[in-house]
Amino acid sequence: AVPEGNWRVTVTLGDPAVASVNTIKAESRRLMLEQLATQPGEIVTRSFIVNVRNRSLVQPEKNAPGGTQVLTNDREEGSLTWDDKLTLEFAAGARVRAIALEPAEVPTVYLAGDSTVTDQRWEDGASWGQMLTRFFGPGIAIANHAESGETLKSFTTGLRLAKVLERMRPGDWFLIQFGHNDQKQQWPQTYAEANTTYQAWLRAFIAEARRRGATPVLVTSPQRRTFDEHGRIRNTHGDYPAAVRAVAAAEGLALIDLEAASRALYEALGPDQSPRLFANGGKDATHHNNLGAYLLAQAVAQSLHDQNSPLAQHLAGDLPPFDPA
């Protein structure tokens, strides 16, 4: 049990007698340490940052609009994301000798988005947001506030944006990826037309982050795995990726083009092999498994590196170059 905030977790790993392979996840399956191998008698120490949060919000003044809790959905009941504990998960083969926790005053990367970004609770589902932690070093935190079904509008009315902004500090970062659900005209309460209201909502998120001294970054939505007869990915997002690119250009923001990266990745594997990246044994054409989420997170990290983003200085030092194609 720990208060919400960023925590530096230091683990001592290894065994005097046997070899070990150590993979560690935190909270709802955020990948922190990946297959760190030790030989018999080898003891190593590693640190990483875990962001912990709860639903609570600062009490609004009397008669002021707002609320005292984020409006979570039924899927989030019992989630390790929203409790008052820091949870670690160790894969089989780990040898853990010690664990130490301490509060960490480090910059935070906040993620806002939908089911393709969120910390998926159950195997075999996964999203790039919960894999992104592996690609950053121990000097920065990843706070993934994305949730399935969310749109720019619902992220605001559900007070998720309020929670992010309440915690945000100068020097933080805000990665914003919406579009999968904003485009659904059958959801009239949250539908936002690509070239008008959708762009206006993006600009509102950008302005709120800038007001707090944080740096916003826009992310285009990964495509669905829908091939045409020529083995090319169909665009199922309409004008929304172009709208994100236009806002990023107009606002002078870094852009992580996951729409283009995902398209290149799926087409490289083709219709027969690309289902290996997707949940439900490949039957799902939108949501990823661990492998697909990992590769998209690697594409995010590579994009930051290629753009020479100031955020790239916090990337892990052991990342090989990655080309989605």
C-alpha atoms as a PDB file:
ATOM      1  CA  ALA A   1       0.000   0.000   0.000  1.00  0.00           C
ATOM      2  CA  VAL A   2       1.481   3.341  -1.083  1.00  0.00           C
ATOM      3  CA  PRO A   3       0.130   6.846  -1.785  1.00  0.00           C
ATOM      4  CA  GLU A   4      -0.431   7.770  -5.423  1.00  0.00           C
ATOM      5  CA  GLY A   5       2.534   9.169  -7.276  1.00  0.00           C
ATOM      6  CA  ASN A   6       5.740   7.918  -8.859  1.00  0.00           C
ATOM      7  CA  TRP A   7       7.768   5.232  -7.087  1.00  0.00           C
ATOM      8  CA  ARG A   8      11.270   4.021  -7.796  1.00  0.00           C
ATOM      9  CA  VAL A   9      11.372   0.258  -7.479  1.00  0.00           C
ATOM     10  CA  THR A  10      14.834  -1.253  -7.061  1.00  0.00           C
ATOM     11  CA  VAL A  11      15.071  -5.018  -7.431  1.00  0.00           C
ATOM     12  CA  THR A  12      18.025  -7.271  -6.710  1.00  0.00           C
ATOM     13  CA  LEU A  13      17.957 -10.356  -8.913  1.00  0.00           C
ATOM     14  CA  GLY A  14      19.898 -13.591  -9.283  1.00  0.00           C
ATOM     15  CA  ASP A  15      20.712 -16.789  -7.437  1.00  0.00           C
ATOM     16  CA  PRO A  16      23.985 -18.185  -6.029  1.00  0.00           C
ATOM     17  CA  ALA A  17      23.247 -21.634  -7.432  1.00  0.00           C
ATOM     18  CA  VAL A  18      21.164 -21.385 -10.602  1.00  0.00           C
ATOM     19  CA  ALA A  19      20.682 -19.201 -13.652  1.00  0.00           C
ATOM     20  CA  SER A  20      17.612 -16.975 -13.889  1.00  0.00           C
ATOM     21  CA  VAL A  21      15.577 -15.067 -16.454  1.00  0.00           C
ATOM     22  CA  ASN A  22      13.735 -12.095 -14.978  1.00  0.00           C
ATOM     23  CA  THR A  23      10.684 -10.405 -16.485  1.00  0.00           C
ATOM     24  CA  ILE A  24       8.766  -7.980 -14.279  1.00  0.00           C
ATOM     25  CA  LYS A  25       5.457  -6.224 -14.845  1.00  0.00           C
ATOM     26  CA  ALA A  26       3.771  -3.625 -12.639  1.00  0.00           C
ATOM     27  CA  GLU A  27       0.201  -2.640 -11.855  1.00  0.00           C
ATOM     28  CA  SER A  28      -1.989  -3.872 -14.762  1.00  0.00           C
ATOM     29  CA  ARG A  29       0.688  -5.730 -16.730  1.00  0.00           C
ATOM     30  CA  ARG A  30       2.975  -2.794 -17.583  1.00  0.00           C
ATOM     31  CA  LEU A  31       6.240  -4.266 -18.841  1.00  0.00           C
ATOM     32  CA  MET A  32       9.104  -2.970 -16.716  1.00  0.00           C
ATOM     33  CA  LEU A  33      11.968  -5.416 -17.125  1.00  0.00           C
ATOM     34  CA  GLU A  34      12.275  -7.854 -20.013  1.00  0.00           C
ATOM     35  CA  GLN A  35      14.093 -11.194 -19.813  1.00  0.00           C
ATOM     36  CA  LEU A  36      17.097 -10.040 -17.817  1.00  0.00           C
ATOM     37  CA  ALA A  37      19.320 -13.126 -17.607  1.00  0.00           C
ATOM     38  CA  THR A  38      21.745 -13.918 -14.782  1.00  0.00           C
ATOM     39  CA  GLN A  39      24.268 -16.735 -14.537  1.00  0.00           C
ATOM     40  CA  PRO A  40      24.700 -18.907 -11.404  1.00  0.00           C
ATOM     41  CA  GLY A  41      26.246 -16.739  -8.724  1.00  0.00           C
ATOM     42  CA  GLU A  42      25.568 -13.483 -10.599  1.00  0.00           C
ATOM     43  CA  ILE A  43      23.604 -10.849  -8.669  1.00  0.00           C
ATOM     44  CA  VAL A  44      22.313  -7.712 -10.439  1.00  0.00           C
ATOM     45  CA  THR A  45      20.323  -4.670  -9.377  1.00  0.00           C
ATOM     46  CA  ARG A  46      17.898  -2.760 -11.572  1.00  0.00           C
ATOM     47  CA  SER A  47      15.554   0.201 -10.970  1.00  0.00           C
ATOM     48  CA  PHE A  48      12.407   1.366 -12.729  1.00  0.00           C
ATOM     49  CA  ILE A  49       9.608   3.862 -12.064  1.00  0.00           C
ATOM     50  CA  VAL A  50       6.033   2.782 -11.371  1.00  0.00           C
ATOM     51  CA  ASN A  51       3.201   5.311 -11.452  1.00  0.00           C
ATOM     52  CA  VAL A  52       0.456   4.612  -8.904  1.00  0.00           C
ATOM     53  CA  ARG A  53      -2.904   6.377  -8.883  1.00  0.00           C
ATOM     54  CA  ASN A  54      -6.434   6.220  -7.495  1.00  0.00           C
ATOM     55  CA  ARG A  55      -9.819   7.615  -8.511  1.00  0.00           C
ATOM     56  CA  SER A  56      -9.875  10.577  -6.143  1.00  0.00           C
ATOM     57  CA  LEU A  57      -9.991  14.215  -7.287  1.00  0.00           C
ATOM     58  CA  VAL A  58      -9.619  17.401  -5.299  1.00  0.00           C
ATOM     59  CA  GLN A  59     -12.998  18.443  -3.860  1.00  0.00           C
ATOM     60  CA  PRO A  60     -14.485  21.242  -6.026  1.00  0.00           C
ATOM     61  CA  GLU A  61     -15.498  24.443  -4.315  1.00  0.00           C
ATOM     62  CA  LYS A  62     -19.130  24.736  -3.266  1.00  0.00           C
ATOM     63  CA  ASN A  63     -21.452  25.047  -6.310  1.00  0.00           C
ATOM     64  CA  ALA A  64     -18.545  24.436  -8.711  1.00  0.00           C
ATOM     65  CA  PRO A  65     -19.009  21.760 -11.387  1.00  0.00           C
ATOM     66  CA  GLY A  66     -16.850  18.652 -11.307  1.00  0.00           C
ATOM     67  CA  GLY A  67     -16.597  15.718  -8.947  1.00  0.00           C
ATOM     68  CA  THR A  68     -14.492  13.969  -6.355  1.00  0.00           C
ATOM     69  CA  GLN A  69     -13.785  10.780  -8.353  1.00  0.00           C
ATOM     70  CA  VAL A  70     -12.982   9.710 -11.885  1.00  0.00           C
ATOM     71  CA  LEU A  71     -16.059   8.090 -13.443  1.00  0.00           C
ATOM     72  CA  THR A  72     -14.733   4.614 -14.163  1.00  0.00           C
ATOM     73  CA  ASN A  73     -16.671   1.891 -15.971  1.00  0.00           C
ATOM     74  CA  ASP A  74     -17.677  -1.650 -15.026  1.00  0.00           C
ATOM     75  CA  ARG A  75     -14.643  -3.130 -16.824  1.00  0.00           C
ATOM     76  CA  GLU A  76     -12.371  -1.289 -14.388  1.00  0.00           C
ATOM     77  CA  GLU A  77     -13.865  -2.743 -11.211  1.00  0.00           C
ATOM     78  CA  GLY A  78     -11.140  -4.639  -9.399  1.00  0.00           C
ATOM     79  CA  SER A  79      -8.438  -3.244 -11.660  1.00  0.00           C
ATOM     80  CA  LEU A  80      -4.944  -3.006 -10.195  1.00  0.00           C
ATOM     81  CA  THR A  81      -4.682   0.405 -11.884  1.00  0.00           C
ATOM     82  CA  TRP A  82      -7.115   2.162  -9.561  1.00  0.00           C
ATOM     83  CA  ASP A  83      -6.337   0.645  -6.158  1.00  0.00           C
ATOM     84  CA  ASP A  84      -4.145   2.088  -3.417  1.00  0.00           C
ATOM     85  CA  LYS A  85      -1.352  -0.425  -3.882  1.00  0.00           C
ATOM     86  CA  LEU A  86       1.762  -0.878  -5.984  1.00  0.00           C
ATOM     87  CA  THR A  87       1.621  -4.333  -7.564  1.00  0.00           C
ATOM     88  CA  LEU A  88       4.494  -6.278  -9.128  1.00  0.00           C
ATOM     89  CA  GLU A  89       4.227  -9.447 -11.210  1.00  0.00           C
ATOM     90  CA  PHE A  90       7.199 -11.779 -11.720  1.00  0.00           C
ATOM     91  CA  ALA A  91       7.272 -14.238 -14.606  1.00  0.00           C
ATOM     92  CA  ALA A  92       8.293 -17.834 -14.010  1.00  0.00           C
ATOM     93  CA  GLY A  93      12.062 -18.171 -13.817  1.00  0.00           C
ATOM     94  CA  ALA A  94      12.679 -14.996 -11.827  1.00  0.00           C
ATOM     95  CA  ARG A  95      14.968 -15.061  -8.782  1.00  0.00           C
ATOM     96  CA  VAL A  96      14.263 -12.063  -6.545  1.00  0.00           C
ATOM     97  CA  ARG A  97      16.553 -11.361  -3.604  1.00  0.00           C
ATOM     98  CA  ALA A  98      15.315  -7.924  -2.538  1.00  0.00           C
ATOM     99  CA  ILE A  99      12.805  -5.189  -3.422  1.00  0.00           C
ATOM    100  CA  ALA A 100      13.054  -1.573  -2.269  1.00  0.00           C
ATOM    101  CA  LEU A 101      10.567   1.269  -2.810  1.00  0.00           C
ATOM    102  CA  GLU A 102      11.039   5.018  -2.543  1.00  0.00           C
ATOM    103  CA  PRO A 103       9.104   8.051  -3.828  1.00  0.00           C
ATOM    104  CA  ALA A 104      10.539   9.396  -7.078  1.00  0.00           C
ATOM    105  CA  GLU A 105      10.491  13.018  -8.209  1.00  0.00           C
ATOM    106  CA  VAL A 106      10.806  12.452 -11.961  1.00  0.00           C
ATOM    107  CA  PRO A 107       9.048  13.784 -15.076  1.00  0.00           C
ATOM    108  CA  THR A 108       5.886  11.927 -16.065  1.00  0.00           C
ATOM    109  CA  VAL A 109       4.618  10.948 -19.504  1.00  0.00           C
ATOM    110  CA  TYR A 110       0.802  10.912 -19.374  1.00  0.00           C
ATOM    111  CA  LEU A 111      -1.059   8.811 -21.943  1.00  0.00           C
ATOM    112  CA  ALA A 112      -4.625   9.583 -23.010  1.00  0.00           C
ATOM    113  CA  GLY A 113      -6.453   7.317 -25.409  1.00  0.00           C
ATOM    114  CA  ASP A 114      -8.660   4.302 -26.001  1.00  0.00           C
ATOM    115  CA  SER A 115      -8.454   0.498 -25.929  1.00  0.00           C
ATOM    116  CA  THR A 116      -5.441   0.431 -28.263  1.00  0.00           C
ATOM    117  CA  VAL A 117      -3.469   2.411 -25.649  1.00  0.00           C
ATOM    118  CA  THR A 118      -4.858   1.288 -22.287  1.00  0.00           C
ATOM    119  CA  ASP A 119      -3.363  -1.174 -19.808  1.00  0.00           C
ATOM    120  CA  GLN A 120      -5.307  -4.272 -20.857  1.00  0.00           C
ATOM    121  CA  ARG A 121      -6.046  -6.407 -17.802  1.00  0.00           C
ATOM    122  CA  TRP A 122      -6.209  -9.891 -19.295  1.00  0.00           C
ATOM    123  CA  GLU A 123      -4.135 -12.132 -21.532  1.00  0.00           C
ATOM    124  CA  ASP A 124      -3.958 -12.391 -24.448  1.00  0.00           C
ATOM    125  CA  GLY A 125      -4.827  -8.712 -24.917  1.00  0.00           C
ATOM    126  CA  ALA A 126      -2.290  -5.910 -24.674  1.00  0.00           C
ATOM    127  CA  SER A 127      -1.834  -2.315 -25.851  1.00  0.00           C
ATOM    128  CA  TRP A 128       1.178  -0.235 -26.723  1.00  0.00           C
ATOM    129  CA  GLY A 129       0.763   2.023 -23.680  1.00  0.00           C
ATOM    130  CA  GLN A 130       1.481  -0.787 -21.236  1.00  0.00           C
ATOM    131  CA  MET A 131       4.554  -1.884 -23.192  1.00  0.00           C
ATOM    132  CA  LEU A 132       5.985   1.639 -23.483  1.00  0.00           C
ATOM    133  CA  THR A 133       7.432   1.441 -19.954  1.00  0.00           C
ATOM    134  CA  ARG A 134      10.014  -1.102 -21.140  1.00  0.00           C
ATOM    135  CA  PHE A 135      11.425   1.367 -23.673  1.00  0.00           C
ATOM    136  CA  PHE A 136      12.202   4.121 -21.157  1.00  0.00           C
ATOM    137  CA  GLY A 137      14.948   4.365 -18.564  1.00  0.00           C
ATOM    138  CA  PRO A 138      14.615   4.796 -14.789  1.00  0.00           C
ATOM    139  CA  GLY A 139      14.520   8.598 -14.901  1.00  0.00           C
ATOM    140  CA  ILE A 140      10.936   9.018 -16.077  1.00  0.00           C
ATOM    141  CA  ALA A 141       7.459   7.645 -15.309  1.00  0.00           C
ATOM    142  CA  ILE A 142       4.709   6.475 -17.667  1.00  0.00           C
ATOM    143  CA  ALA A 143       1.178   7.184 -16.398  1.00  0.00           C
ATOM    144  CA  ASN A 144      -1.283   5.426 -18.691  1.00  0.00           C
ATOM    145  CA  HIS A 145      -4.749   6.960 -18.239  1.00  0.00           C
ATOM    146  CA  ALA A 146      -6.166   5.535 -21.475  1.00  0.00           C
ATOM    147  CA  GLU A 147      -9.267   3.348 -21.250  1.00  0.00           C
ATOM    148  CA  SER A 148     -11.333   1.204 -23.595  1.00  0.00           C
ATOM    149  CA  GLY A 149     -14.167   2.974 -25.381  1.00  0.00           C
ATOM    150  CA  GLU A 150     -12.927   6.469 -24.618  1.00  0.00           C
ATOM    151  CA  THR A 151     -13.186   9.505 -26.886  1.00  0.00           C
ATOM    152  CA  LEU A 152     -11.939  13.064 -26.523  1.00  0.00           C
ATOM    153  CA  LYS A 153     -15.362  14.064 -25.208  1.00  0.00           C
ATOM    154  CA  SER A 154     -15.862  11.168 -22.783  1.00  0.00           C
ATOM    155  CA  PHE A 155     -12.298  11.474 -21.478  1.00  0.00           C
ATOM    156  CA  THR A 156     -13.334  14.983 -20.438  1.00  0.00           C
ATOM    157  CA  THR A 157     -16.852  14.346 -19.131  1.00  0.00           C
ATOM    158  CA  GLY A 158     -15.676  11.252 -17.221  1.00  0.00           C
ATOM    159  CA  LEU A 159     -13.149  13.469 -15.394  1.00  0.00           C
ATOM    160  CA  ARG A 160     -10.186  11.444 -16.695  1.00  0.00           C
ATOM    161  CA  LEU A 161      -8.733  14.605 -18.193  1.00  0.00           C
ATOM    162  CA  ALA A 162      -9.302  16.380 -14.884  1.00  0.00           C
ATOM    163  CA  LYS A 163      -7.298  13.653 -13.127  1.00  0.00           C
ATOM    164  CA  VAL A 164      -4.410  13.991 -15.591  1.00  0.00           C
ATOM    165  CA  LEU A 165      -4.372  17.785 -15.363  1.00  0.00           C
ATOM    166  CA  GLU A 166      -4.586  17.709 -11.559  1.00  0.00           C
ATOM    167  CA  ARG A 167      -1.386  15.629 -11.416  1.00  0.00           C
ATOM    168  CA  MET A 168       0.465  17.265 -14.342  1.00  0.00           C
ATOM    169  CA  ARG A 169       3.516  19.411 -13.581  1.00  0.00           C
ATOM    170  CA  PRO A 170       5.903  21.595 -15.619  1.00  0.00           C
ATOM    171  CA  GLY A 171       8.320  19.398 -17.530  1.00  0.00           C
ATOM    172  CA  ASP A 172       5.827  16.558 -17.977  1.00  0.00           C
ATOM    173  CA  TRP A 173       4.630  15.145 -21.302  1.00  0.00           C
ATOM    174  CA  PHE A 174       1.162  14.354 -22.663  1.00  0.00           C
ATOM    175  CA  LEU A 175       0.736  11.775 -25.454  1.00  0.00           C
ATOM    176  CA  ILE A 176      -2.757  11.986 -26.978  1.00  0.00           C
ATOM    177  CA  GLN A 177      -4.242   9.289 -29.234  1.00  0.00           C
ATOM    178  CA  PHE A 178      -7.949   9.269 -30.021  1.00  0.00           C
ATOM    179  CA  GLY A 179      -9.970   8.518 -33.142  1.00  0.00           C
ATOM    180  CA  HIS A 180     -11.097   4.882 -33.023  1.00  0.00           C
ATOM    181  CA  ASN A 181     -14.268   5.795 -31.161  1.00  0.00           C
ATOM    182  CA  ASP A 182     -14.569   9.519 -31.935  1.00  0.00           C
ATOM    183  CA  GLN A 183     -15.395   8.506 -35.535  1.00  0.00           C
ATOM    184  CA  LYS A 184     -18.448   6.421 -34.529  1.00  0.00           C
ATOM    185  CA  GLN A 185     -21.492   8.351 -35.694  1.00  0.00           C
ATOM    186  CA  GLN A 186     -23.669   5.729 -33.988  1.00  0.00           C
ATOM    187  CA  TRP A 187     -22.361   7.175 -30.698  1.00  0.00           C
ATOM    188  CA  PRO A 188     -23.965  10.633 -31.066  1.00  0.00           C
ATOM    189  CA  GLN A 189     -23.034  11.847 -27.568  1.00  0.00           C
ATOM    190  CA  THR A 190     -19.306  11.497 -28.241  1.00  0.00           C
ATOM    191  CA  TYR A 191     -19.018  11.608 -32.043  1.00  0.00           C
ATOM    192  CA  ALA A 192     -16.679  14.371 -33.280  1.00  0.00           C
ATOM    193  CA  GLU A 193     -16.421  15.166 -36.987  1.00  0.00           C
ATOM    194  CA  ALA A 194     -12.824  14.876 -38.188  1.00  0.00           C
ATOM    195  CA  ASN A 195     -12.295  18.295 -39.729  1.00  0.00           C
ATOM    196  CA  THR A 196     -14.211  20.419 -37.230  1.00  0.00           C
ATOM    197  CA  THR A 197     -15.057  19.353 -33.664  1.00  0.00           C
ATOM    198  CA  TYR A 198     -12.443  16.584 -33.474  1.00  0.00           C
ATOM    199  CA  GLN A 199      -9.654  19.047 -34.227  1.00  0.00           C
ATOM    200  CA  ALA A 200     -11.141  21.570 -31.804  1.00  0.00           C
ATOM    201  CA  TRP A 201     -11.148  19.000 -28.992  1.00  0.00           C
ATOM    202  CA  LEU A 202      -7.544  18.074 -29.760  1.00  0.00           C
ATOM    203  CA  ARG A 203      -6.592  21.741 -29.480  1.00  0.00           C
ATOM    204  CA  ALA A 204      -8.347  21.989 -26.113  1.00  0.00           C
ATOM    205  CA  PHE A 205      -6.269  19.079 -24.750  1.00  0.00           C
ATOM    206  CA  ILE A 206      -3.127  20.683 -26.164  1.00  0.00           C
ATOM    207  CA  ALA A 207      -3.910  24.054 -24.608  1.00  0.00           C
ATOM    208  CA  GLU A 208      -4.615  22.559 -21.186  1.00  0.00           C
ATOM    209  CA  ALA A 209      -1.287  20.711 -21.175  1.00  0.00           C
ATOM    210  CA  ARG A 210       0.609  23.816 -22.259  1.00  0.00           C
ATOM    211  CA  ARG A 211      -1.053  25.873 -19.524  1.00  0.00           C
ATOM    212  CA  ARG A 212       0.584  23.540 -17.000  1.00  0.00           C
ATOM    213  CA  GLY A 213       4.024  23.655 -18.564  1.00  0.00           C
ATOM    214  CA  ALA A 214       3.764  20.171 -20.094  1.00  0.00           C
ATOM    215  CA  THR A 215       4.611  19.184 -23.667  1.00  0.00           C
ATOM    216  CA  PRO A 216       1.782  17.641 -25.726  1.00  0.00           C
ATOM    217  CA  VAL A 217       2.524  15.074 -28.444  1.00  0.00           C
ATOM    218  CA  LEU A 218      -0.104  13.825 -30.889  1.00  0.00           C
ATOM    219  CA  VAL A 219      -0.356  10.177 -31.932  1.00  0.00           C
ATOM    220  CA  THR A 220      -2.349   8.845 -34.887  1.00  0.00           C
ATOM    221  CA  SER A 221      -4.424   5.726 -34.227  1.00  0.00           C
ATOM    222  CA  PRO A 222      -3.065   2.375 -35.414  1.00  0.00           C
ATOM    223  CA  GLN A 223      -5.045   0.968 -38.300  1.00  0.00           C
ATOM    224  CA  ARG A 224      -7.338  -2.027 -38.055  1.00  0.00           C
ATOM    225  CA  ARG A 225      -6.098  -5.184 -39.735  1.00  0.00           C
ATOM    226  CA  THR A 226      -8.261  -4.939 -42.847  1.00  0.00           C
ATOM    227  CA  PHE A 227      -6.552  -5.973 -46.090  1.00  0.00           C
ATOM    228  CA  ASP A 228      -7.723  -5.325 -49.647  1.00  0.00           C
ATOM    229  CA  GLU A 229      -7.338  -7.785 -52.512  1.00  0.00           C
ATOM    230  CA  HIS A 230      -3.815  -6.483 -53.193  1.00  0.00           C
ATOM    231  CA  GLY A 231      -2.529  -7.163 -49.676  1.00  0.00           C
ATOM    232  CA  ARG A 232      -2.668  -3.506 -48.675  1.00  0.00           C
ATOM    233  CA  ILE A 233      -4.270  -2.189 -45.495  1.00  0.00           C
ATOM    234  CA  ARG A 234      -7.529  -0.338 -46.036  1.00  0.00           C
ATOM    235  CA  ASN A 235      -7.941   2.994 -44.261  1.00  0.00           C
ATOM    236  CA  THR A 236     -10.762   2.451 -41.768  1.00  0.00           C
ATOM    237  CA  HIS A 237     -10.130   5.775 -40.003  1.00  0.00           C
ATOM    238  CA  GLY A 238     -11.338   8.122 -42.719  1.00  0.00           C
ATOM    239  CA  ASP A 239     -10.072  11.686 -42.346  1.00  0.00           C
ATOM    240  CA  TYR A 240      -9.002  11.296 -38.709  1.00  0.00           C
ATOM    241  CA  PRO A 241      -5.292  10.497 -39.201  1.00  0.00           C
ATOM    242  CA  ALA A 242      -4.974  13.445 -41.593  1.00  0.00           C
ATOM    243  CA  ALA A 243      -6.753  15.648 -39.054  1.00  0.00           C
ATOM    244  CA  VAL A 244      -4.237  14.704 -36.346  1.00  0.00           C
ATOM    245  CA  ARG A 245      -1.339  15.429 -38.698  1.00  0.00           C
ATOM    246  CA  ALA A 246      -2.854  18.796 -39.600  1.00  0.00           C
ATOM    247  CA  VAL A 247      -3.288  19.850 -35.960  1.00  0.00           C
ATOM    248  CA  ALA A 248       0.253  18.742 -35.090  1.00  0.00           C
ATOM    249  CA  ALA A 249       1.668  20.768 -37.979  1.00  0.00           C
ATOM    250  CA  ALA A 250      -0.411  23.841 -37.169  1.00  0.00           C
ATOM    251  CA  GLU A 251       0.457  23.700 -33.459  1.00  0.00           C
ATOM    252  CA  GLY A 252       4.146  22.920 -34.005  1.00  0.00           C
ATOM    253  CA  LEU A 253       3.921  19.612 -32.138  1.00  0.00           C
ATOM    254  CA  ALA A 254       5.799  16.354 -32.455  1.00  0.00           C
ATOM    255  CA  LEU A 255       3.704  13.690 -34.187  1.00  0.00           C
ATOM    256  CA  ILE A 256       3.983   9.939 -33.659  1.00  0.00           C
ATOM    257  CA  ASP A 257       2.399   8.451 -36.772  1.00  0.00           C
ATOM    258  CA  LEU A 258       1.241   5.038 -35.559  1.00  0.00           C
ATOM    259  CA  GLU A 259      -1.270   4.895 -38.398  1.00  0.00           C
ATOM    260  CA  ALA A 260       1.579   4.771 -40.903  1.00  0.00           C
ATOM    261  CA  ALA A 261       3.756   2.521 -38.709  1.00  0.00           C
ATOM    262  CA  SER A 262       0.975  -0.005 -38.123  1.00  0.00           C
ATOM    263  CA  ARG A 263       0.109  -0.062 -41.810  1.00  0.00           C
ATOM    264  CA  ALA A 264       3.762  -0.798 -42.691  1.00  0.00           C
ATOM    265  CA  LEU A 265       3.996  -3.472 -39.996  1.00  0.00           C
ATOM    266  CA  TYR A 266       0.843  -5.355 -41.029  1.00  0.00           C
ATOM    267  CA  GLU A 267       1.671  -5.197 -44.721  1.00  0.00           C
ATOM    268  CA  ALA A 268       5.208  -6.472 -44.069  1.00  0.00           C
ATOM    269  CA  LEU A 269       3.746  -9.557 -42.408  1.00  0.00           C
ATOM    270  CA  GLY A 270       0.836  -9.869 -44.842  1.00  0.00           C
ATOM    271  CA  PRO A 271      -2.684 -11.261 -44.369  1.00  0.00           C
ATOM    272  CA  ASP A 272      -1.466 -14.692 -43.266  1.00  0.00           C
ATOM    273  CA  GLN A 273       1.116 -13.714 -40.629  1.00  0.00           C
ATOM    274  CA  SER A 274      -0.208 -10.390 -39.277  1.00  0.00           C
ATOM    275  CA  PRO A 275      -2.911 -12.077 -37.113  1.00  0.00           C
ATOM    276  CA  ARG A 276       0.018 -13.148 -34.894  1.00  0.00           C
ATOM    277  CA  LEU A 277       0.009  -9.564 -33.543  1.00  0.00           C
ATOM    278  CA  PHE A 278      -3.642  -9.551 -32.476  1.00  0.00           C
ATOM    279  CA  ALA A 279      -5.753 -10.615 -29.503  1.00  0.00           C
ATOM    280  CA  ASN A 280      -8.191 -13.503 -29.280  1.00  0.00           C
ATOM    281  CA  GLY A 281      -5.833 -15.776 -31.138  1.00  0.00           C
ATOM    282  CA  GLY A 282      -5.689 -13.343 -34.054  1.00  0.00           C
ATOM    283  CA  LYS A 283      -9.460 -13.180 -34.516  1.00  0.00           C
ATOM    284  CA  ASP A 284      -9.552  -9.583 -33.280  1.00  0.00           C
ATOM    285  CA  ALA A 285      -8.614  -7.159 -36.041  1.00  0.00           C
ATOM    286  CA  THR A 286      -8.333  -4.066 -33.806  1.00  0.00           C
ATOM    287  CA  HIS A 287      -6.790  -5.024 -30.470  1.00  0.00           C
ATOM    288  CA  HIS A 288      -3.311  -6.438 -30.059  1.00  0.00           C
ATOM    289  CA  ASN A 289      -1.630  -9.157 -28.066  1.00  0.00           C
ATOM    290  CA  ASN A 290       1.707  -8.825 -26.267  1.00  0.00           C
ATOM    291  CA  LEU A 291       3.740  -9.081 -29.469  1.00  0.00           C
ATOM    292  CA  GLY A 292       1.697  -6.542 -31.436  1.00  0.00           C
ATOM    293  CA  ALA A 293       1.599  -4.114 -28.520  1.00  0.00           C
ATOM    294  CA  TYR A 294       5.351  -4.484 -28.002  1.00  0.00           C
ATOM    295  CA  LEU A 295       6.138  -3.707 -31.645  1.00  0.00           C
ATOM    296  CA  LEU A 296       3.861  -0.651 -31.712  1.00  0.00           C
ATOM    297  CA  ALA A 297       5.476   0.645 -28.503  1.00  0.00           C
ATOM    298  CA  GLN A 298       8.843   0.116 -30.155  1.00  0.00           C
ATOM    299  CA  ALA A 299       7.591   2.177 -33.107  1.00  0.00           C
ATOM    300  CA  VAL A 300       6.620   4.970 -30.687  1.00  0.00           C
ATOM    301  CA  ALA A 301      10.095   4.922 -29.143  1.00  0.00           C
ATOM    302  CA  GLN A 302      11.754   4.875 -32.561  1.00  0.00           C
ATOM    303  CA  SER A 303       9.664   7.842 -33.718  1.00  0.00           C
ATOM    304  CA  LEU A 304      10.747   9.887 -30.700  1.00  0.00           C
ATOM    305  CA  HIS A 305      14.358   8.976 -31.433  1.00  0.00           C
ATOM    306  CA  ASP A 306      14.100   9.791 -35.147  1.00  0.00           C
ATOM    307  CA  GLN A 307      12.574  13.218 -34.435  1.00  0.00           C
ATOM    308  CA  ASN A 308      15.279  13.990 -31.882  1.00  0.00           C
ATOM    309  CA  SER A 309      12.541  14.762 -29.392  1.00  0.00           C
ATOM    310  CA  PRO A 310      13.741  15.993 -25.990  1.00  0.00           C
ATOM    311  CA  LEU A 311      11.754  13.074 -24.599  1.00  0.00           C
ATOM    312  CA  ALA A 312      14.125  10.709 -26.443  1.00  0.00           C
ATOM    313  CA  GLN A 313      16.846  11.433 -23.880  1.00  0.00           C
ATOM    314  CA  HIS A 314      14.851   9.285 -21.463  1.00  0.00           C
ATOM    315  CA  LEU A 315      14.667   6.251 -23.760  1.00  0.00           C
ATOM    316  CA  ALA A 316      16.337   3.052 -22.574  1.00  0.00           C
ATOM    317  CA  GLY A 317      19.931   2.684 -23.664  1.00  0.00           C
ATOM    318  CA  ASP A 318      19.622  -0.853 -25.069  1.00  0.00           C
ATOM    319  CA  LEU A 319      17.168  -0.203 -27.902  1.00  0.00           C
ATOM    320  CA  PRO A 320      18.131  -1.519 -31.343  1.00  0.00           C
ATOM    321  CA  PRO A 321      16.930   0.425 -34.410  1.00  0.00           C
ATOM    322  CA  PHE A 322      13.394  -0.555 -35.426  1.00  0.00           C
ATOM    323  CA  ASP A 323      11.749  -0.296 -38.833  1.00  0.00           C
ATOM    324  CA  PRO A 324       8.064  -1.378 -38.866  1.00  0.00           C
ATOM    325  CA  ALA A 325       8.399  -2.325 -42.542  1.00  0.00           C
END
